[in-house]
Amino acid sequence: MYISGGENVYPAEVEAAIFEHPGVAEVAVVGVPDGKWGEVGRAFVVPRQGCALQPDDVPAFLRERLAKYKIPVYVDVIDELPKTGSNKVRKGPLRALPLPQRS
């Protein structure tokens, strides 16, 4: 869980909503520091093979499914998620990645 603007956000709920997108194969959501809100969401999305998923596609898809404060501010489209030997997503390395510039 992370807290954004005083509201609890559960990454599993956000991940489940992102998984509904037909172009998403895998997803991991983490909270990252934000000067205004305390923390905001950052989603790491692996597209399905053959899908040309763009970072802007995810927030647009989520607008009808989640409250605004739950929609990740940052979306990274990546080739694969870091995993343990038992195939569990390692979120620590994802949190440690530098934030992209906000537009």
PDB file of N, CA and C in Angstrom:
ATOM      1  N   MET A   1       0.837  -1.176   0.000  1.00  0.00           N
ATOM      2  CA  MET A   1       0.000   0.000   0.000  1.00  0.00           C
ATOM      3  C   MET A   1       0.885   1.244   0.000  1.00  0.00           C
ATOM      4  N   TYR A   2       0.427   2.284  -0.667  1.00  0.00           N
ATOM      5  CA  TYR A   2       1.062   3.593  -0.563  1.00  0.00           C
ATOM      6  C   TYR A   2      -0.042   4.619  -0.338  1.00  0.00           C
ATOM      7  N   ILE A   3       0.349   5.790   0.154  1.00  0.00           N
ATOM      8  CA  ILE A   3      -0.621   6.831   0.477  1.00  0.00           C
ATOM      9  C   ILE A   3      -0.409   8.007  -0.466  1.00  0.00           C
ATOM     10  N   SER A   4      -1.440   8.354  -1.197  1.00  0.00           N
ATOM     11  CA  SER A   4      -1.379   9.454  -2.161  1.00  0.00           C
ATOM     12  C   SER A   4      -2.414  10.505  -1.769  1.00  0.00           C
ATOM     13  N   GLY A   5      -1.940  11.669  -1.360  1.00  0.00           N
ATOM     14  CA  GLY A   5      -2.850  12.744  -0.969  1.00  0.00           C
ATOM     15  C   GLY A   5      -3.737  12.358   0.200  1.00  0.00           C
ATOM     16  N   GLY A   6      -3.225  11.541   1.107  1.00  0.00           N
ATOM     17  CA  GLY A   6      -3.995  11.114   2.265  1.00  0.00           C
ATOM     18  C   GLY A   6      -4.904   9.924   2.015  1.00  0.00           C
ATOM     19  N   GLU A   7      -4.917   9.402   0.826  1.00  0.00           N
ATOM     20  CA  GLU A   7      -5.768   8.256   0.469  1.00  0.00           C
ATOM     21  C   GLU A   7      -4.920   6.996   0.315  1.00  0.00           C
ATOM     22  N   ASN A   8      -5.409   5.888   0.841  1.00  0.00           N
ATOM     23  CA  ASN A   8      -4.723   4.607   0.679  1.00  0.00           C
ATOM     24  C   ASN A   8      -4.936   4.076  -0.734  1.00  0.00           C
ATOM     25  N   VAL A   9      -3.845   3.651  -1.350  1.00  0.00           N
ATOM     26  CA  VAL A   9      -3.921   3.046  -2.681  1.00  0.00           C
ATOM     27  C   VAL A   9      -3.283   1.663  -2.581  1.00  0.00           C
ATOM     28  N   TYR A  10      -4.022   0.665  -3.007  1.00  0.00           N
ATOM     29  CA  TYR A  10      -3.541  -0.709  -2.969  1.00  0.00           C
ATOM     30  C   TYR A  10      -3.084  -1.121  -4.373  1.00  0.00           C
ATOM     31  N   PRO A  11      -1.779  -1.358  -4.545  1.00  0.00           N
ATOM     32  CA  PRO A  11      -1.270  -1.710  -5.876  1.00  0.00           C
ATOM     33  C   PRO A  11      -1.991  -2.887  -6.515  1.00  0.00           C
ATOM     34  N   ALA A  12      -2.398  -3.871  -5.732  1.00  0.00           N
ATOM     35  CA  ALA A  12      -3.086  -5.039  -6.306  1.00  0.00           C
ATOM     36  C   ALA A  12      -4.381  -4.625  -7.015  1.00  0.00           C
ATOM     37  N   GLU A  13      -5.099  -3.652  -6.467  1.00  0.00           N
ATOM     38  CA  GLU A  13      -6.335  -3.176  -7.103  1.00  0.00           C
ATOM     39  C   GLU A  13      -6.023  -2.484  -8.436  1.00  0.00           C
ATOM     40  N   VAL A  14      -4.976  -1.665  -8.440  1.00  0.00           N
ATOM     41  CA  VAL A  14      -4.587  -0.953  -9.659  1.00  0.00           C
ATOM     42  C   VAL A  14      -4.084  -1.945 -10.700  1.00  0.00           C
ATOM     43  N   GLU A  15      -3.284  -2.916 -10.259  1.00  0.00           N
ATOM     44  CA  GLU A  15      -2.771  -3.936 -11.180  1.00  0.00           C
ATOM     45  C   GLU A  15      -3.920  -4.725 -11.806  1.00  0.00           C
ATOM     46  N   ALA A  16      -4.917  -5.078 -11.016  1.00  0.00           N
ATOM     47  CA  ALA A  16      -6.066  -5.832 -11.544  1.00  0.00           C
ATOM     48  C   ALA A  16      -6.796  -5.035 -12.621  1.00  0.00           C
ATOM     49  N   ALA A  17      -6.936  -3.729 -12.410  1.00  0.00           N
ATOM     50  CA  ALA A  17      -7.608  -2.884 -13.406  1.00  0.00           C
ATOM     51  C   ALA A  17      -6.767  -2.789 -14.687  1.00  0.00           C
ATOM     52  N   ILE A  18      -5.461  -2.673 -14.533  1.00  0.00           N
ATOM     53  CA  ILE A  18      -4.581  -2.593 -15.716  1.00  0.00           C
ATOM     54  C   ILE A  18      -4.609  -3.906 -16.487  1.00  0.00           C
ATOM     55  N   PHE A  19      -4.666  -5.037 -15.775  1.00  0.00           N
ATOM     56  CA  PHE A  19      -4.726  -6.352 -16.432  1.00  0.00           C
ATOM     57  C   PHE A  19      -5.933  -6.494 -17.335  1.00  0.00           C
ATOM     58  N   GLU A  20      -6.984  -5.709 -17.124  1.00  0.00           N
ATOM     59  CA  GLU A  20      -8.158  -5.768 -17.983  1.00  0.00           C
ATOM     60  C   GLU A  20      -7.875  -5.237 -19.386  1.00  0.00           C
ATOM     61  N   HIS A  21      -6.800  -4.458 -19.536  1.00  0.00           N
ATOM     62  CA  HIS A  21      -6.425  -3.930 -20.857  1.00  0.00           C
ATOM     63  C   HIS A  21      -5.987  -5.108 -21.732  1.00  0.00           C
ATOM     64  N   PRO A  22      -6.536  -5.239 -22.920  1.00  0.00           N
ATOM     65  CA  PRO A  22      -6.204  -6.387 -23.768  1.00  0.00           C
ATOM     66  C   PRO A  22      -4.754  -6.438 -24.239  1.00  0.00           C
ATOM     67  N   GLY A  23      -4.045  -5.331 -24.173  1.00  0.00           N
ATOM     68  CA  GLY A  23      -2.660  -5.302 -24.625  1.00  0.00           C
ATOM     69  C   GLY A  23      -1.629  -5.545 -23.541  1.00  0.00           C
ATOM     70  N   VAL A  24      -2.077  -5.850 -22.315  1.00  0.00           N
ATOM     71  CA  VAL A  24      -1.165  -6.004 -21.183  1.00  0.00           C
ATOM     72  C   VAL A  24      -0.953  -7.475 -20.853  1.00  0.00           C
ATOM     73  N   ALA A  25       0.323  -7.889 -20.809  1.00  0.00           N
ATOM     74  CA  ALA A  25       0.671  -9.260 -20.428  1.00  0.00           C
ATOM     75  C   ALA A  25       1.001  -9.351 -18.943  1.00  0.00           C
ATOM     76  N   GLU A  26       1.761  -8.366 -18.435  1.00  0.00           N
ATOM     77  CA  GLU A  26       2.165  -8.347 -17.031  1.00  0.00           C
ATOM     78  C   GLU A  26       2.200  -6.905 -16.551  1.00  0.00           C
ATOM     79  N   VAL A  27       2.033  -6.718 -15.234  1.00  0.00           N
ATOM     80  CA  VAL A  27       2.079  -5.374 -14.671  1.00  0.00           C
ATOM     81  C   VAL A  27       2.519  -5.437 -13.217  1.00  0.00           C
ATOM     82  N   ALA A  28       3.218  -4.400 -12.796  1.00  0.00           N
ATOM     83  CA  ALA A  28       3.564  -4.207 -11.389  1.00  0.00           C
ATOM     84  C   ALA A  28       3.391  -2.724 -11.093  1.00  0.00           C
ATOM     85  N   VAL A  29       2.778  -2.404  -9.955  1.00  0.00           N
ATOM     86  CA  VAL A  29       2.554  -1.017  -9.546  1.00  0.00           C
ATOM     87  C   VAL A  29       3.245  -0.799  -8.209  1.00  0.00           C
ATOM     88  N   VAL A  30       3.980   0.314  -8.120  1.00  0.00           N
ATOM     89  CA  VAL A  30       4.656   0.704  -6.884  1.00  0.00           C
ATOM     90  C   VAL A  30       4.347   2.164  -6.584  1.00  0.00           C
ATOM     91  N   GLY A  31       4.509   2.540  -5.329  1.00  0.00           N
ATOM     92  CA  GLY A  31       4.395   3.938  -4.947  1.00  0.00           C
ATOM     93  C   GLY A  31       5.768   4.588  -5.016  1.00  0.00           C
ATOM     94  N   VAL A  32       5.811   5.809  -5.539  1.00  0.00           N
ATOM     95  CA  VAL A  32       7.067   6.562  -5.622  1.00  0.00           C
ATOM     96  C   VAL A  32       6.853   7.941  -5.002  1.00  0.00           C
ATOM     97  N   PRO A  33       7.918   8.542  -4.458  1.00  0.00           N
ATOM     98  CA  PRO A  33       7.774   9.845  -3.803  1.00  0.00           C
ATOM     99  C   PRO A  33       7.275  10.937  -4.748  1.00  0.00           C
ATOM    100  N   ASP A  34       6.461  11.839  -4.183  1.00  0.00           N
ATOM    101  CA  ASP A  34       5.950  12.988  -4.932  1.00  0.00           C
ATOM    102  C   ASP A  34       5.869  14.174  -3.981  1.00  0.00           C
ATOM    103  N   GLY A  35       6.382  15.318  -4.431  1.00  0.00           N
ATOM    104  CA  GLY A  35       6.407  16.510  -3.598  1.00  0.00           C
ATOM    105  C   GLY A  35       5.038  17.027  -3.206  1.00  0.00           C
ATOM    106  N   LYS A  36       4.061  16.883  -4.059  1.00  0.00           N
ATOM    107  CA  LYS A  36       2.724  17.406  -3.784  1.00  0.00           C
ATOM    108  C   LYS A  36       1.843  16.403  -3.046  1.00  0.00           C
ATOM    109  N   TRP A  37       1.841  15.152  -3.474  1.00  0.00           N
ATOM    110  CA  TRP A  37       0.900  14.159  -2.975  1.00  0.00           C
ATOM    111  C   TRP A  37       1.498  13.189  -1.964  1.00  0.00           C
ATOM    112  N   GLY A  38       2.770  13.281  -1.681  1.00  0.00           N
ATOM    113  CA  GLY A  38       3.430  12.330  -0.790  1.00  0.00           C
ATOM    114  C   GLY A  38       3.962  11.151  -1.570  1.00  0.00           C
ATOM    115  N   GLU A  39       3.062  10.407  -2.175  1.00  0.00           N
ATOM    116  CA  GLU A  39       3.424   9.315  -3.070  1.00  0.00           C
ATOM    117  C   GLU A  39       2.407   9.271  -4.205  1.00  0.00           C
ATOM    118  N   VAL A  40       2.865   8.788  -5.348  1.00  0.00           N
ATOM    119  CA  VAL A  40       1.978   8.546  -6.493  1.00  0.00           C
ATOM    120  C   VAL A  40       2.338   7.183  -7.067  1.00  0.00           C
ATOM    121  N   GLY A  41       1.467   6.681  -7.919  1.00  0.00           N
ATOM    122  CA  GLY A  41       1.697   5.380  -8.523  1.00  0.00           C
ATOM    123  C   GLY A  41       2.610   5.430  -9.725  1.00  0.00           C
ATOM    124  N   ARG A  42       3.365   4.348  -9.861  1.00  0.00           N
ATOM    125  CA  ARG A  42       4.187   4.143 -11.050  1.00  0.00           C
ATOM    126  C   ARG A  42       3.936   2.709 -11.496  1.00  0.00           C
ATOM    127  N   ALA A  43       3.454   2.548 -12.708  1.00  0.00           N
ATOM    128  CA  ALA A  43       3.141   1.227 -13.245  1.00  0.00           C
ATOM    129  C   ALA A  43       4.214   0.809 -14.247  1.00  0.00           C
ATOM    130  N   PHE A  44       4.629  -0.430 -14.124  1.00  0.00           N
ATOM    131  CA  PHE A  44       5.551  -1.045 -15.073  1.00  0.00           C
ATOM    132  C   PHE A  44       4.746  -2.094 -15.823  1.00  0.00           C
ATOM    133  N   VAL A  45       4.613  -1.906 -17.132  1.00  0.00           N
ATOM    134  CA  VAL A  45       3.717  -2.723 -17.936  1.00  0.00           C
ATOM    135  C   VAL A  45       4.507  -3.452 -19.016  1.00  0.00           C
ATOM    136  N   VAL A  46       4.264  -4.751 -19.116  1.00  0.00           N
ATOM    137  CA  VAL A  46       4.832  -5.566 -20.189  1.00  0.00           C
ATOM    138  C   VAL A  46       3.708  -5.811 -21.188  1.00  0.00           C
ATOM    139  N   PRO A  47       3.868  -5.359 -22.444  1.00  0.00           N
ATOM    140  CA  PRO A  47       2.795  -5.558 -23.427  1.00  0.00           C
ATOM    141  C   PRO A  47       2.735  -7.005 -23.911  1.00  0.00           C
ATOM    142  N   ARG A  48       1.545  -7.393 -24.342  1.00  0.00           N
ATOM    143  CA  ARG A  48       1.395  -8.713 -24.977  1.00  0.00           C
ATOM    144  C   ARG A  48       2.195  -8.714 -26.273  1.00  0.00           C
ATOM    145  N   GLN A  49       2.660  -9.880 -26.636  1.00  0.00           N
ATOM    146  CA  GLN A  49       3.432 -10.004 -27.866  1.00  0.00           C
ATOM    147  C   GLN A  49       2.612  -9.509 -29.047  1.00  0.00           C
ATOM    148  N   GLY A  50       3.202  -8.645 -29.854  1.00  0.00           N
ATOM    149  CA  GLY A  50       2.534  -8.111 -31.030  1.00  0.00           C
ATOM    150  C   GLY A  50       1.720  -6.857 -30.774  1.00  0.00           C
ATOM    151  N   CYS A  51       1.607  -6.416 -29.519  1.00  0.00           N
ATOM    152  CA  CYS A  51       0.849  -5.210 -29.190  1.00  0.00           C
ATOM    153  C   CYS A  51       1.794  -4.021 -29.055  1.00  0.00           C
ATOM    154  N   ALA A  52       1.401  -2.911 -29.623  1.00  0.00           N
ATOM    155  CA  ALA A  52       2.193  -1.680 -29.549  1.00  0.00           C
ATOM    156  C   ALA A  52       1.585  -0.784 -28.470  1.00  0.00           C
ATOM    157  N   LEU A  53       1.769  -1.148 -27.227  1.00  0.00           N
ATOM    158  CA  LEU A  53       1.213  -0.413 -26.102  1.00  0.00           C
ATOM    159  C   LEU A  53       2.049   0.834 -25.826  1.00  0.00           C
ATOM    160  N   GLN A  54       1.382   1.974 -25.668  1.00  0.00           N
ATOM    161  CA  GLN A  54       2.049   3.235 -25.362  1.00  0.00           C
ATOM    162  C   GLN A  54       1.751   3.617 -23.909  1.00  0.00           C
ATOM    163  N   PRO A  55       2.681   4.320 -23.235  1.00  0.00           N
ATOM    164  CA  PRO A  55       2.450   4.710 -21.842  1.00  0.00           C
ATOM    165  C   PRO A  55       1.145   5.475 -21.618  1.00  0.00           C
ATOM    166  N   ASP A  56       0.752   6.324 -22.553  1.00  0.00           N
ATOM    167  CA  ASP A  56      -0.480   7.107 -22.402  1.00  0.00           C
ATOM    168  C   ASP A  56      -1.750   6.256 -22.508  1.00  0.00           C
ATOM    169  N   ASP A  57      -1.633   5.054 -23.066  1.00  0.00           N
ATOM    170  CA  ASP A  57      -2.795   4.180 -23.210  1.00  0.00           C
ATOM    171  C   ASP A  57      -3.350   3.742 -21.856  1.00  0.00           C
ATOM    172  N   VAL A  58      -2.456   3.541 -20.895  1.00  0.00           N
ATOM    173  CA  VAL A  58      -2.876   2.986 -19.605  1.00  0.00           C
ATOM    174  C   VAL A  58      -3.731   3.967 -18.794  1.00  0.00           C
ATOM    175  N   PRO A  59      -3.275   5.213 -18.545  1.00  0.00           N
ATOM    176  CA  PRO A  59      -4.136   6.137 -17.802  1.00  0.00           C
ATOM    177  C   PRO A  59      -5.481   6.380 -18.491  1.00  0.00           C
ATOM    178  N   ALA A  60      -5.467   6.471 -19.816  1.00  0.00           N
ATOM    179  CA  ALA A  60      -6.723   6.678 -20.545  1.00  0.00           C
ATOM    180  C   ALA A  60      -7.668   5.502 -20.323  1.00  0.00           C
ATOM    181  N   PHE A  61      -7.133   4.294 -20.312  1.00  0.00           N
ATOM    182  CA  PHE A  61      -7.933   3.087 -20.091  1.00  0.00           C
ATOM    183  C   PHE A  61      -8.508   3.053 -18.675  1.00  0.00           C
ATOM    184  N   LEU A  62      -7.739   3.551 -17.702  1.00  0.00           N
ATOM    185  CA  LEU A  62      -8.141   3.469 -16.298  1.00  0.00           C
ATOM    186  C   LEU A  62      -9.137   4.538 -15.863  1.00  0.00           C
ATOM    187  N   ARG A  63      -9.289   5.605 -16.627  1.00  0.00           N
ATOM    188  CA  ARG A  63     -10.149   6.724 -16.211  1.00  0.00           C
ATOM    189  C   ARG A  63     -11.580   6.303 -15.885  1.00  0.00           C
ATOM    190  N   GLU A  64     -12.093   5.301 -16.562  1.00  0.00           N
ATOM    191  CA  GLU A  64     -13.461   4.833 -16.313  1.00  0.00           C
ATOM    192  C   GLU A  64     -13.514   3.722 -15.271  1.00  0.00           C
ATOM    193  N   ARG A  65     -12.335   3.266 -14.806  1.00  0.00           N
ATOM    194  CA  ARG A  65     -12.289   2.107 -13.918  1.00  0.00           C
ATOM    195  C   ARG A  65     -11.835   2.421 -12.498  1.00  0.00           C
ATOM    196  N   LEU A  66     -11.078   3.492 -12.328  1.00  0.00           N
ATOM    197  CA  LEU A  66     -10.516   3.817 -11.019  1.00  0.00           C
ATOM    198  C   LEU A  66     -10.702   5.290 -10.686  1.00  0.00           C
ATOM    199  N   ALA A  67     -10.675   5.598  -9.392  1.00  0.00           N
ATOM    200  CA  ALA A  67     -10.671   6.992  -8.956  1.00  0.00           C
ATOM    201  C   ALA A  67      -9.381   7.657  -9.439  1.00  0.00           C
ATOM    202  N   LYS A  68      -9.434   8.934  -9.683  1.00  0.00           N
ATOM    203  CA  LYS A  68      -8.303   9.656 -10.256  1.00  0.00           C
ATOM    204  C   LYS A  68      -7.024   9.483  -9.439  1.00  0.00           C
ATOM    205  N   TYR A  69      -7.129   9.521  -8.102  1.00  0.00           N
ATOM    206  CA  TYR A  69      -5.936   9.422  -7.274  1.00  0.00           C
ATOM    207  C   TYR A  69      -5.274   8.038  -7.338  1.00  0.00           C
ATOM    208  N   LYS A  70      -5.985   7.031  -7.850  1.00  0.00           N
ATOM    209  CA  LYS A  70      -5.428   5.684  -7.970  1.00  0.00           C
ATOM    210  C   LYS A  70      -4.723   5.443  -9.300  1.00  0.00           C
ATOM    211  N   ILE A  71      -4.950   6.308 -10.269  1.00  0.00           N
ATOM    212  CA  ILE A  71      -4.352   6.132 -11.595  1.00  0.00           C
ATOM    213  C   ILE A  71      -2.871   6.493 -11.528  1.00  0.00           C
ATOM    214  N   PRO A  72      -1.991   5.586 -11.950  1.00  0.00           N
ATOM    215  CA  PRO A  72      -0.550   5.867 -11.885  1.00  0.00           C
ATOM    216  C   PRO A  72      -0.172   7.129 -12.674  1.00  0.00           C
ATOM    217  N   VAL A  73       0.677   7.942 -12.061  1.00  0.00           N
ATOM    218  CA  VAL A  73       1.173   9.154 -12.713  1.00  0.00           C
ATOM    219  C   VAL A  73       2.221   8.782 -13.756  1.00  0.00           C
ATOM    220  N   TYR A  74       3.001   7.770 -13.440  1.00  0.00           N
ATOM    221  CA  TYR A  74       4.064   7.317 -14.334  1.00  0.00           C
ATOM    222  C   TYR A  74       3.712   5.925 -14.850  1.00  0.00           C
ATOM    223  N   VAL A  75       3.935   5.712 -16.149  1.00  0.00           N
ATOM    224  CA  VAL A  75       3.742   4.394 -16.752  1.00  0.00           C
ATOM    225  C   VAL A  75       4.974   4.100 -17.606  1.00  0.00           C
ATOM    226  N   ASP A  76       5.622   2.996 -17.288  1.00  0.00           N
ATOM    227  CA  ASP A  76       6.790   2.555 -18.043  1.00  0.00           C
ATOM    228  C   ASP A  76       6.417   1.280 -18.785  1.00  0.00           C
ATOM    229  N   VAL A  77       6.596   1.266 -20.090  1.00  0.00           N
ATOM    230  CA  VAL A  77       6.387   0.060 -20.886  1.00  0.00           C
ATOM    231  C   VAL A  77       7.756  -0.601 -21.008  1.00  0.00           C
ATOM    232  N   ILE A  78       7.860  -1.823 -20.472  1.00  0.00           N
ATOM    233  CA  ILE A  78       9.146  -2.512 -20.420  1.00  0.00           C
ATOM    234  C   ILE A  78       9.020  -3.902 -21.039  1.00  0.00           C
ATOM    235  N   ASP A  79      10.181  -4.523 -21.311  1.00  0.00           N
ATOM    236  CA  ASP A  79      10.189  -5.847 -21.941  1.00  0.00           C
ATOM    237  C   ASP A  79       9.888  -6.971 -20.964  1.00  0.00           C
ATOM    238  N   GLU A  80      10.377  -6.828 -19.710  1.00  0.00           N
ATOM    239  CA  GLU A  80      10.120  -7.860 -18.710  1.00  0.00           C
ATOM    240  C   GLU A  80      10.271  -7.284 -17.315  1.00  0.00           C
ATOM    241  N   LEU A  81       9.575  -7.907 -16.370  1.00  0.00           N
ATOM    242  CA  LEU A  81       9.646  -7.506 -14.972  1.00  0.00           C
ATOM    243  C   LEU A  81      10.739  -8.315 -14.277  1.00  0.00           C
ATOM    244  N   PRO A  82      11.461  -7.701 -13.326  1.00  0.00           N
ATOM    245  CA  PRO A  82      12.446  -8.480 -12.568  1.00  0.00           C
ATOM    246  C   PRO A  82      11.724  -9.466 -11.644  1.00  0.00           C
ATOM    247  N   LYS A  83      12.210 -10.705 -11.615  1.00  0.00           N
ATOM    248  CA  LYS A  83      11.524 -11.741 -10.835  1.00  0.00           C
ATOM    249  C   LYS A  83      12.514 -12.555 -10.016  1.00  0.00           C
ATOM    250  N   THR A  84      11.975 -13.168  -8.975  1.00  0.00           N
ATOM    251  CA  THR A  84      12.755 -14.071  -8.139  1.00  0.00           C
ATOM    252  C   THR A  84      12.825 -15.426  -8.834  1.00  0.00           C
ATOM    253  N   GLY A  85      13.562 -16.349  -8.228  1.00  0.00           N
ATOM    254  CA  GLY A  85      13.661 -17.704  -8.770  1.00  0.00           C
ATOM    255  C   GLY A  85      12.329 -18.422  -8.793  1.00  0.00           C
ATOM    256  N   SER A  86      11.408 -18.013  -7.909  1.00  0.00           N
ATOM    257  CA  SER A  86      10.077 -18.629  -7.888  1.00  0.00           C
ATOM    258  C   SER A  86       9.065 -17.837  -8.725  1.00  0.00           C
ATOM    259  N   ASN A  87       9.575 -16.968  -9.587  1.00  0.00           N
ATOM    260  CA  ASN A  87       8.771 -16.206 -10.552  1.00  0.00           C
ATOM    261  C   ASN A  87       7.888 -15.127  -9.917  1.00  0.00           C
ATOM    262  N   LYS A  88       8.237 -14.652  -8.727  1.00  0.00           N
ATOM    263  CA  LYS A  88       7.516 -13.553  -8.089  1.00  0.00           C
ATOM    264  C   LYS A  88       8.177 -12.235  -8.496  1.00  0.00           C
ATOM    265  N   VAL A  89       7.364 -11.209  -8.758  1.00  0.00           N
ATOM    266  CA  VAL A  89       7.893  -9.910  -9.186  1.00  0.00           C
ATOM    267  C   VAL A  89       8.667  -9.265  -8.036  1.00  0.00           C
ATOM    268  N   ARG A  90       9.851  -8.786  -8.337  1.00  0.00           N
ATOM    269  CA  ARG A  90      10.688  -8.077  -7.363  1.00  0.00           C
ATOM    270  C   ARG A  90      10.426  -6.576  -7.531  1.00  0.00           C
ATOM    271  N   LYS A  91       9.657  -5.991  -6.630  1.00  0.00           N
ATOM    272  CA  LYS A  91       9.280  -4.586  -6.752  1.00  0.00           C
ATOM    273  C   LYS A  91      10.372  -3.636  -6.267  1.00  0.00           C
ATOM    274  N   GLY A  92      11.272  -4.098  -5.398  1.00  0.00           N
ATOM    275  CA  GLY A  92      12.360  -3.252  -4.902  1.00  0.00           C
ATOM    276  C   GLY A  92      13.197  -2.639  -6.018  1.00  0.00           C
ATOM    277  N   PRO A  93      13.677  -3.450  -6.965  1.00  0.00           N
ATOM    278  CA  PRO A  93      14.448  -2.878  -8.076  1.00  0.00           C
ATOM    279  C   PRO A  93      13.640  -1.888  -8.929  1.00  0.00           C
ATOM    280  N   LEU A  94      12.330  -2.095  -9.012  1.00  0.00           N
ATOM    281  CA  LEU A  94      11.490  -1.169  -9.782  1.00  0.00           C
ATOM    282  C   LEU A  94      11.396   0.187  -9.074  1.00  0.00           C
ATOM    283  N   ARG A  95      11.227   0.167  -7.733  1.00  0.00           N
ATOM    284  CA  ARG A  95      11.165   1.419  -6.968  1.00  0.00           C
ATOM    285  C   ARG A  95      12.468   2.203  -7.078  1.00  0.00           C
ATOM    286  N   ALA A  96      13.582   1.496  -7.218  1.00  0.00           N
ATOM    287  CA  ALA A  96      14.901   2.137  -7.245  1.00  0.00           C
ATOM    288  C   ALA A  96      15.221   2.813  -8.582  1.00  0.00           C
ATOM    289  N   LEU A  97      14.460   2.522  -9.623  1.00  0.00           N
ATOM    290  CA  LEU A  97      14.736   3.135 -10.934  1.00  0.00           C
ATOM    291  C   LEU A  97      14.457   4.626 -10.891  1.00  0.00           C
ATOM    292  N   PRO A  98      15.278   5.437 -11.575  1.00  0.00           N
ATOM    293  CA  PRO A  98      15.028   6.883 -11.594  1.00  0.00           C
ATOM    294  C   PRO A  98      13.701   7.213 -12.278  1.00  0.00           C
ATOM    295  N   LEU A  99      13.058   8.246 -11.780  1.00  0.00           N
ATOM    296  CA  LEU A  99      11.780   8.677 -12.361  1.00  0.00           C
ATOM    297  C   LEU A  99      12.001   9.388 -13.678  1.00  0.00           C
ATOM    298  N   PRO A 100      11.128   9.151 -14.654  1.00  0.00           N
ATOM    299  CA  PRO A 100      11.205   9.910 -15.906  1.00  0.00           C
ATOM    300  C   PRO A 100      10.742  11.351 -15.661  1.00  0.00           C
ATOM    301  N   GLN A 101      11.089  12.235 -16.554  1.00  0.00           N
ATOM    302  CA  GLN A 101      10.647  13.626 -16.463  1.00  0.00           C
ATOM    303  C   GLN A 101       9.148  13.688 -16.724  1.00  0.00           C
ATOM    304  N   ARG A 102       8.446  14.463 -15.893  1.00  0.00           N
ATOM    305  CA  ARG A 102       7.012  14.672 -16.115  1.00  0.00           C
ATOM    306  C   ARG A 102       6.815  15.724 -17.174  1.00  0.00           C
ATOM    307  N   SER A 103       5.829  15.486 -18.012  1.00  0.00           N
ATOM    308  CA  SER A 103       5.550  16.460 -19.082  1.00  0.00           C
ATOM    309  C   SER A 103       4.559  17.498 -18.623  1.00  0.00           C
TER     310      SER A 103
END
